[in-house]
């Protein structure tokens, strides 16, 4: 999505700074909201996927469903839209390594931490499922949505299944 970065701000306000992650449905970028003067995360639908109506609908549904959720373990969605035919979602920035990176760097989580984080994941999922009837496709561990970020030791945050420490 380097071409999107070179095209200027998304929606005349979000400047893509650097890519944070990529998966089957898209890329997540560190971006600067020029209107509010803050850093955000922007997920942009994958190149080639924007021409697939089902993929675009799943992406749009992700934004709509996640924006409707209010839970301490679910990330906040600020905005969504399209830019030059590509859909994007703007959410709070949760800085830090993914859970996979964390485990790779430090080894398996101690049992107490795994139980604590598992409880937080379950709490976020429980509220999500009540509202959205999430399917296995959405919460599958191999899904590109199962990215985990650690800001600092503390509570877990998620965007659907994007888990993060806050």
Foldseek 3Di string as FASTA:
>chain_A
DVVVLVVDAFVNFWHFDAWDDADQQFTWTFTAGRVVGDTWIKTKGDVVCLVPVVSVVVVVVLQVLLCPDDDPAAWHWDDWDDGPSITMTITHDFDAAWPVVVCVVPNDDDPVVVVQQVVLQVVRVVRSCVRPVDDCQQQPCVHPQQTEGENDPDGWHGSSNHIYHD
